[in-house]
Amino acid sequence: MEVKGKLVDFLNIESGTSKTGKEWQKQTVIIDTGGEFNNLVAISAFGEDKINNLNKLEIGMDVKILCNVYSR
């Protein structure tokens, strides 16, 4: 899925250990799509390399993010 909009916020990096003992990290960003309904979208990046890519962005930037969609 492609999400376009303005970067609104970075949430704190979360980390932990999986059941198999592997360390993990994730960071979530908030994107304002400018849509009429549900215009704020939270997108999480897992892994150090993807988090480093997020750190290249700045709040207020127009962004286009390609992501897989999962819902719980």
PDB file of N, CA and C in Angstrom:
ATOM      1  N   MET A   1       0.846  -1.174   0.000  1.00  0.00           N
ATOM      2  CA  MET A   1       0.000   0.000   0.000  1.00  0.00           C
ATOM      3  C   MET A   1       0.889   1.234   0.000  1.00  0.00           C
ATOM      4  N   GLU A   2       0.453   2.265  -0.657  1.00  0.00           N
ATOM      5  CA  GLU A   2       1.177   3.531  -0.687  1.00  0.00           C
ATOM      6  C   GLU A   2       0.406   4.572   0.123  1.00  0.00           C
ATOM      7  N   VAL A   3       1.105   5.238   1.043  1.00  0.00           N
ATOM      8  CA  VAL A   3       0.501   6.281   1.866  1.00  0.00           C
ATOM      9  C   VAL A   3       1.241   7.576   1.587  1.00  0.00           C
ATOM     10  N   LYS A   4       0.493   8.606   1.190  1.00  0.00           N
ATOM     11  CA  LYS A   4       1.080   9.923   0.921  1.00  0.00           C
ATOM     12  C   LYS A   4       0.522  10.919   1.922  1.00  0.00           C
ATOM     13  N   GLY A   5       1.365  11.827   2.377  1.00  0.00           N
ATOM     14  CA  GLY A   5       0.898  12.853   3.284  1.00  0.00           C
ATOM     15  C   GLY A   5       2.042  13.602   3.921  1.00  0.00           C
ATOM     16  N   LYS A   6       1.712  14.317   4.979  1.00  0.00           N
ATOM     17  CA  LYS A   6       2.688  15.125   5.707  1.00  0.00           C
ATOM     18  C   LYS A   6       3.051  14.405   7.000  1.00  0.00           C
ATOM     19  N   LEU A   7       4.357  14.313   7.276  1.00  0.00           N
ATOM     20  CA  LEU A   7       4.839  13.678   8.487  1.00  0.00           C
ATOM     21  C   LEU A   7       4.514  14.574   9.675  1.00  0.00           C
ATOM     22  N   VAL A   8       3.744  14.037  10.632  1.00  0.00           N
ATOM     23  CA  VAL A   8       3.271  14.809  11.775  1.00  0.00           C
ATOM     24  C   VAL A   8       4.119  14.579  13.013  1.00  0.00           C
ATOM     25  N   ASP A   9       4.506  13.300  13.265  1.00  0.00           N
ATOM     26  CA  ASP A   9       5.199  13.011  14.521  1.00  0.00           C
ATOM     27  C   ASP A   9       5.950  11.693  14.435  1.00  0.00           C
ATOM     28  N   PHE A  10       7.006  11.589  15.240  1.00  0.00           N
ATOM     29  CA  PHE A  10       7.735  10.346  15.472  1.00  0.00           C
ATOM     30  C   PHE A  10       7.386   9.888  16.883  1.00  0.00           C
ATOM     31  N   LEU A  11       6.981   8.648  17.052  1.00  0.00           N
ATOM     32  CA  LEU A  11       6.782   8.109  18.382  1.00  0.00           C
ATOM     33  C   LEU A  11       8.098   7.508  18.865  1.00  0.00           C
ATOM     34  N   ASN A  12       8.218   7.275  20.163  1.00  0.00           N
ATOM     35  CA  ASN A  12       9.447   6.728  20.725  1.00  0.00           C
ATOM     36  C   ASN A  12       9.727   5.335  20.172  1.00  0.00           C
ATOM     37  N   ILE A  13      11.011   4.998  20.073  1.00  0.00           N
ATOM     38  CA  ILE A  13      11.408   3.670  19.638  1.00  0.00           C
ATOM     39  C   ILE A  13      11.049   2.671  20.736  1.00  0.00           C
ATOM     40  N   GLU A  14      10.420   1.573  20.326  1.00  0.00           N
ATOM     41  CA  GLU A  14      10.082   0.493  21.244  1.00  0.00           C
ATOM     42  C   GLU A  14      11.025  -0.670  20.958  1.00  0.00           C
ATOM     43  N   SER A  15      11.386  -1.427  21.998  1.00  0.00           N
ATOM     44  CA  SER A  15      12.255  -2.582  21.793  1.00  0.00           C
ATOM     45  C   SER A  15      11.873  -3.674  22.772  1.00  0.00           C
ATOM     46  N   GLY A  16      12.349  -4.871  22.470  1.00  0.00           N
ATOM     47  CA  GLY A  16      12.057  -5.991  23.340  1.00  0.00           C
ATOM     48  C   GLY A  16      12.772  -7.236  22.864  1.00  0.00           C
ATOM     49  N   THR A  17      12.364  -8.348  23.417  1.00  0.00           N
ATOM     50  CA  THR A  17      12.931  -9.648  23.066  1.00  0.00           C
ATOM     51  C   THR A  17      11.790 -10.584  22.690  1.00  0.00           C
ATOM     52  N   SER A  18      11.946 -11.260  21.556  1.00  0.00           N
ATOM     53  CA  SER A  18      10.905 -12.190  21.101  1.00  0.00           C
ATOM     54  C   SER A  18      10.936 -13.472  21.925  1.00  0.00           C
ATOM     55  N   LYS A  19       9.942 -14.334  21.705  1.00  0.00           N
ATOM     56  CA  LYS A  19       9.887 -15.624  22.407  1.00  0.00           C
ATOM     57  C   LYS A  19      11.109 -16.483  22.100  1.00  0.00           C
ATOM     58  N   THR A  20      11.683 -16.286  20.923  1.00  0.00           N
ATOM     59  CA  THR A  20      12.860 -17.068  20.531  1.00  0.00           C
ATOM     60  C   THR A  20      14.161 -16.446  21.027  1.00  0.00           C
ATOM     61  N   GLY A  21      14.072 -15.309  21.722  1.00  0.00           N
ATOM     62  CA  GLY A  21      15.258 -14.677  22.288  1.00  0.00           C
ATOM     63  C   GLY A  21      15.915 -13.632  21.420  1.00  0.00           C
ATOM     64  N   LYS A  22      15.309 -13.295  20.279  1.00  0.00           N
ATOM     65  CA  LYS A  22      15.881 -12.275  19.394  1.00  0.00           C
ATOM     66  C   LYS A  22      15.441 -10.888  19.841  1.00  0.00           C
ATOM     67  N   GLU A  23      16.390  -9.942  19.797  1.00  0.00           N
ATOM     68  CA  GLU A  23      16.085  -8.544  20.107  1.00  0.00           C
ATOM     69  C   GLU A  23      15.363  -7.925  18.914  1.00  0.00           C
ATOM     70  N   TRP A  24      14.412  -7.019  19.183  1.00  0.00           N
ATOM     71  CA  TRP A  24      13.716  -6.310  18.117  1.00  0.00           C
ATOM     72  C   TRP A  24      13.527  -4.855  18.505  1.00  0.00           C
ATOM     73  N   GLN A  25      13.350  -4.008  17.477  1.00  0.00           N
ATOM     74  CA  GLN A  25      13.057  -2.581  17.659  1.00  0.00           C
ATOM     75  C   GLN A  25      12.007  -2.178  16.640  1.00  0.00           C
ATOM     76  N   LYS A  26      11.179  -1.215  17.025  1.00  0.00           N
ATOM     77  CA  LYS A  26      10.242  -0.639  16.059  1.00  0.00           C
ATOM     78  C   LYS A  26      10.034   0.827  16.398  1.00  0.00           C
ATOM     79  N   GLN A  27       9.757   1.610  15.356  1.00  0.00           N
ATOM     80  CA  GLN A  27       9.423   3.016  15.539  1.00  0.00           C
ATOM     81  C   GLN A  27       8.201   3.314  14.687  1.00  0.00           C
ATOM     82  N   THR A  28       7.312   4.110  15.226  1.00  0.00           N
ATOM     83  CA  THR A  28       6.070   4.457  14.544  1.00  0.00           C
ATOM     84  C   THR A  28       6.083   5.931  14.196  1.00  0.00           C
ATOM     85  N   VAL A  29       5.617   6.237  12.982  1.00  0.00           N
ATOM     86  CA  VAL A  29       5.454   7.627  12.554  1.00  0.00           C
ATOM     87  C   VAL A  29       3.976   7.874  12.297  1.00  0.00           C
ATOM     88  N   ILE A  30       3.559   9.123  12.430  1.00  0.00           N
ATOM     89  CA  ILE A  30       2.180   9.526  12.170  1.00  0.00           C
ATOM     90  C   ILE A  30       2.173  10.380  10.909  1.00  0.00           C
ATOM     91  N   ILE A  31       1.329   9.996   9.948  1.00  0.00           N
ATOM     92  CA  ILE A  31       1.200  10.692   8.674  1.00  0.00           C
ATOM     93  C   ILE A  31      -0.202  11.284   8.578  1.00  0.00           C
ATOM     94  N   ASP A  32      -0.286  12.557   8.196  1.00  0.00           N
ATOM     95  CA  ASP A  32      -1.575  13.206   7.932  1.00  0.00           C
ATOM     96  C   ASP A  32      -1.822  13.120   6.435  1.00  0.00           C
ATOM     97  N   THR A  33      -2.800  12.303   6.037  1.00  0.00           N
ATOM     98  CA  THR A  33      -3.077  12.095   4.614  1.00  0.00           C
ATOM     99  C   THR A  33      -3.909  13.215   4.009  1.00  0.00           C
ATOM    100  N   GLY A  34      -4.476  14.067   4.848  1.00  0.00           N
ATOM    101  CA  GLY A  34      -5.297  15.155   4.344  1.00  0.00           C
ATOM    102  C   GLY A  34      -6.681  14.710   3.921  1.00  0.00           C
ATOM    103  N   GLY A  35      -7.015  13.463   4.186  1.00  0.00           N
ATOM    104  CA  GLY A  35      -8.329  12.945   3.812  1.00  0.00           C
ATOM    105  C   GLY A  35      -9.418  13.511   4.699  1.00  0.00           C
ATOM    106  N   GLU A  36     -10.653  13.346   4.257  1.00  0.00           N
ATOM    107  CA  GLU A  36     -11.790  13.873   5.001  1.00  0.00           C
ATOM    108  C   GLU A  36     -12.051  13.081   6.283  1.00  0.00           C
ATOM    109  N   PHE A  37     -11.894  11.763   6.201  1.00  0.00           N
ATOM    110  CA  PHE A  37     -12.132  10.901   7.355  1.00  0.00           C
ATOM    111  C   PHE A  37     -10.875  10.096   7.651  1.00  0.00           C
ATOM    112  N   ASN A  38     -10.608   9.845   8.932  1.00  0.00           N
ATOM    113  CA  ASN A  38      -9.446   9.043   9.344  1.00  0.00           C
ATOM    114  C   ASN A  38      -8.166   9.508   8.649  1.00  0.00           C
ATOM    115  N   ASN A  39      -7.888  10.790   8.747  1.00  0.00           N
ATOM    116  CA  ASN A  39      -6.763  11.353   8.014  1.00  0.00           C
ATOM    117  C   ASN A  39      -5.406  11.093   8.659  1.00  0.00           C
ATOM    118  N   LEU A  40      -5.353  10.647   9.918  1.00  0.00           N
ATOM    119  CA  LEU A  40      -4.084  10.338  10.557  1.00  0.00           C
ATOM    120  C   LEU A  40      -3.827   8.833  10.487  1.00  0.00           C
ATOM    121  N   VAL A  41      -2.637   8.464   9.988  1.00  0.00           N
ATOM    122  CA  VAL A  41      -2.279   7.061   9.816  1.00  0.00           C
ATOM    123  C   VAL A  41      -0.982   6.813  10.585  1.00  0.00           C
ATOM    124  N   ALA A  42      -0.947   5.743  11.373  1.00  0.00           N
ATOM    125  CA  ALA A  42       0.270   5.344  12.091  1.00  0.00           C
ATOM    126  C   ALA A  42       0.930   4.219  11.309  1.00  0.00           C
ATOM    127  N   ILE A  43       2.225   4.383  11.021  1.00  0.00           N
ATOM    128  CA  ILE A  43       2.990   3.380  10.292  1.00  0.00           C
ATOM    129  C   ILE A  43       4.211   3.005  11.131  1.00  0.00           C
ATOM    130  N   SER A  44       4.388   1.701  11.369  1.00  0.00           N
ATOM    131  CA  SER A  44       5.506   1.217  12.176  1.00  0.00           C
ATOM    132  C   SER A  44       6.570   0.601  11.287  1.00  0.00           C
ATOM    133  N   ALA A  45       7.826   0.899  11.609  1.00  0.00           N
ATOM    134  CA  ALA A  45       8.975   0.317  10.918  1.00  0.00           C
ATOM    135  C   ALA A  45       9.696  -0.597  11.891  1.00  0.00           C
ATOM    136  N   PHE A  46       9.950  -1.839  11.467  1.00  0.00           N
ATOM    137  CA  PHE A  46      10.648  -2.809  12.299  1.00  0.00           C
ATOM    138  C   PHE A  46      12.068  -2.996  11.786  1.00  0.00           C
ATOM    139  N   GLY A  47      13.023  -3.029  12.685  1.00  0.00           N
ATOM    140  CA  GLY A  47      14.412  -3.279  12.332  1.00  0.00           C
ATOM    141  C   GLY A  47      15.232  -2.009  12.261  1.00  0.00           C
ATOM    142  N   GLU A  48      16.509  -2.157  12.597  1.00  0.00           N
ATOM    143  CA  GLU A  48      17.410  -1.008  12.676  1.00  0.00           C
ATOM    144  C   GLU A  48      17.570  -0.291  11.339  1.00  0.00           C
ATOM    145  N   ASP A  49      17.650  -1.045  10.235  1.00  0.00           N
ATOM    146  CA  ASP A  49      17.845  -0.413   8.929  1.00  0.00           C
ATOM    147  C   ASP A  49      16.647   0.443   8.529  1.00  0.00           C
ATOM    148  N   LYS A  50      15.446  -0.022   8.791  1.00  0.00           N
ATOM    149  CA  LYS A  50      14.251   0.763   8.446  1.00  0.00           C
ATOM    150  C   LYS A  50      14.088   1.965   9.366  1.00  0.00           C
ATOM    151  N   ILE A  51      14.449   1.796  10.642  1.00  0.00           N
ATOM    152  CA  ILE A  51      14.395   2.922  11.578  1.00  0.00           C
ATOM    153  C   ILE A  51      15.394   3.997  11.159  1.00  0.00           C
ATOM    154  N   ASN A  52      16.580   3.584  10.710  1.00  0.00           N
ATOM    155  CA  ASN A  52      17.572   4.552  10.222  1.00  0.00           C
ATOM    156  C   ASN A  52      17.047   5.324   9.023  1.00  0.00           C
ATOM    157  N   ASN A  53      16.297   4.662   8.135  1.00  0.00           N
ATOM    158  CA  ASN A  53      15.689   5.359   6.998  1.00  0.00           C
ATOM    159  C   ASN A  53      14.673   6.394   7.470  1.00  0.00           C
ATOM    160  N   LEU A  54      13.902   6.065   8.499  1.00  0.00           N
ATOM    161  CA  LEU A  54      12.929   7.027   9.042  1.00  0.00           C
ATOM    162  C   LEU A  54      13.626   8.261   9.617  1.00  0.00           C
ATOM    163  N   ASN A  55      14.794   8.060  10.217  1.00  0.00           N
ATOM    164  CA  ASN A  55      15.517   9.168  10.843  1.00  0.00           C
ATOM    165  C   ASN A  55      16.014  10.201   9.834  1.00  0.00           C
ATOM    166  N   LYS A  56      15.980   9.871   8.549  1.00  0.00           N
ATOM    167  CA  LYS A  56      16.359  10.824   7.502  1.00  0.00           C
ATOM    168  C   LYS A  56      15.236  11.825   7.237  1.00  0.00           C
ATOM    169  N   LEU A  57      14.043  11.516   7.732  1.00  0.00           N
ATOM    170  CA  LEU A  57      12.879  12.380   7.508  1.00  0.00           C
ATOM    171  C   LEU A  57      12.769  13.424   8.610  1.00  0.00           C
ATOM    172  N   GLU A  58      12.027  14.487   8.317  1.00  0.00           N
ATOM    173  CA  GLU A  58      11.791  15.553   9.292  1.00  0.00           C
ATOM    174  C   GLU A  58      10.298  15.824   9.392  1.00  0.00           C
ATOM    175  N   ILE A  59       9.859  16.214  10.580  1.00  0.00           N
ATOM    176  CA  ILE A  59       8.458  16.565  10.785  1.00  0.00           C
ATOM    177  C   ILE A  59       8.097  17.719   9.852  1.00  0.00           C
ATOM    178  N   GLY A  60       6.946  17.595   9.203  1.00  0.00           N
ATOM    179  CA  GLY A  60       6.471  18.610   8.269  1.00  0.00           C
ATOM    180  C   GLY A  60       6.756  18.266   6.814  1.00  0.00           C
ATOM    181  N   MET A  61       7.601  17.273   6.570  1.00  0.00           N
ATOM    182  CA  MET A  61       7.930  16.870   5.198  1.00  0.00           C
ATOM    183  C   MET A  61       6.743  16.175   4.549  1.00  0.00           C
ATOM    184  N   ASP A  62       6.595  16.382   3.242  1.00  0.00           N
ATOM    185  CA  ASP A  62       5.652  15.584   2.462  1.00  0.00           C
ATOM    186  C   ASP A  62       6.348  14.270   2.148  1.00  0.00           C
ATOM    187  N   VAL A  63       5.674  13.153   2.442  1.00  0.00           N
ATOM    188  CA  VAL A  63       6.286  11.843   2.266  1.00  0.00           C
ATOM    189  C   VAL A  63       5.370  10.908   1.491  1.00  0.00           C
ATOM    190  N   LYS A  64       5.981   9.909   0.890  1.00  0.00           N
ATOM    191  CA  LYS A  64       5.256   8.805   0.261  1.00  0.00           C
ATOM    192  C   LYS A  64       5.893   7.539   0.822  1.00  0.00           C
ATOM    193  N   ILE A  65       5.120   6.730   1.526  1.00  0.00           N
ATOM    194  CA  ILE A  65       5.626   5.531   2.185  1.00  0.00           C
ATOM    195  C   ILE A  65       4.931   4.310   1.600  1.00  0.00           C
ATOM    196  N   LEU A  66       5.732   3.330   1.209  1.00  0.00           N
ATOM    197  CA  LEU A  66       5.208   2.043   0.760  1.00  0.00           C
ATOM    198  C   LEU A  66       5.257   1.089   1.943  1.00  0.00           C
ATOM    199  N   CYS A  67       4.147   0.427   2.236  1.00  0.00           N
ATOM    200  CA  CYS A  67       4.098  -0.429   3.415  1.00  0.00           C
ATOM    201  C   CYS A  67       3.131  -1.587   3.206  1.00  0.00           C
ATOM    202  N   ASN A  68       3.291  -2.607   4.049  1.00  0.00           N
ATOM    203  CA  ASN A  68       2.335  -3.706   4.123  1.00  0.00           C
ATOM    204  C   ASN A  68       1.332  -3.355   5.205  1.00  0.00           C
ATOM    205  N   VAL A  69       0.076  -3.712   5.004  1.00  0.00           N
ATOM    206  CA  VAL A  69      -0.981  -3.341   5.941  1.00  0.00           C
ATOM    207  C   VAL A  69      -1.392  -4.556   6.765  1.00  0.00           C
ATOM    208  N   TYR A  70      -1.365  -4.379   8.100  1.00  0.00           N
ATOM    209  CA  TYR A  70      -1.835  -5.397   9.041  1.00  0.00           C
ATOM    210  C   TYR A  70      -2.748  -4.694  10.047  1.00  0.00           C
ATOM    211  N   SER A  71      -3.766  -5.386  10.493  1.00  0.00           N
ATOM    212  CA  SER A  71      -4.685  -4.800  11.453  1.00  0.00           C
ATOM    213  C   SER A  71      -4.980  -5.805  12.548  1.00  0.00           C
ATOM    214  N   ARG A  72      -5.113  -5.282  13.770  1.00  0.00           N
ATOM    215  CA  ARG A  72      -5.491  -6.124  14.902  1.00  0.00           C
ATOM    216  C   ARG A  72      -6.659  -5.508  15.604  1.00  0.00           C
TER     217      ARG A  72
END
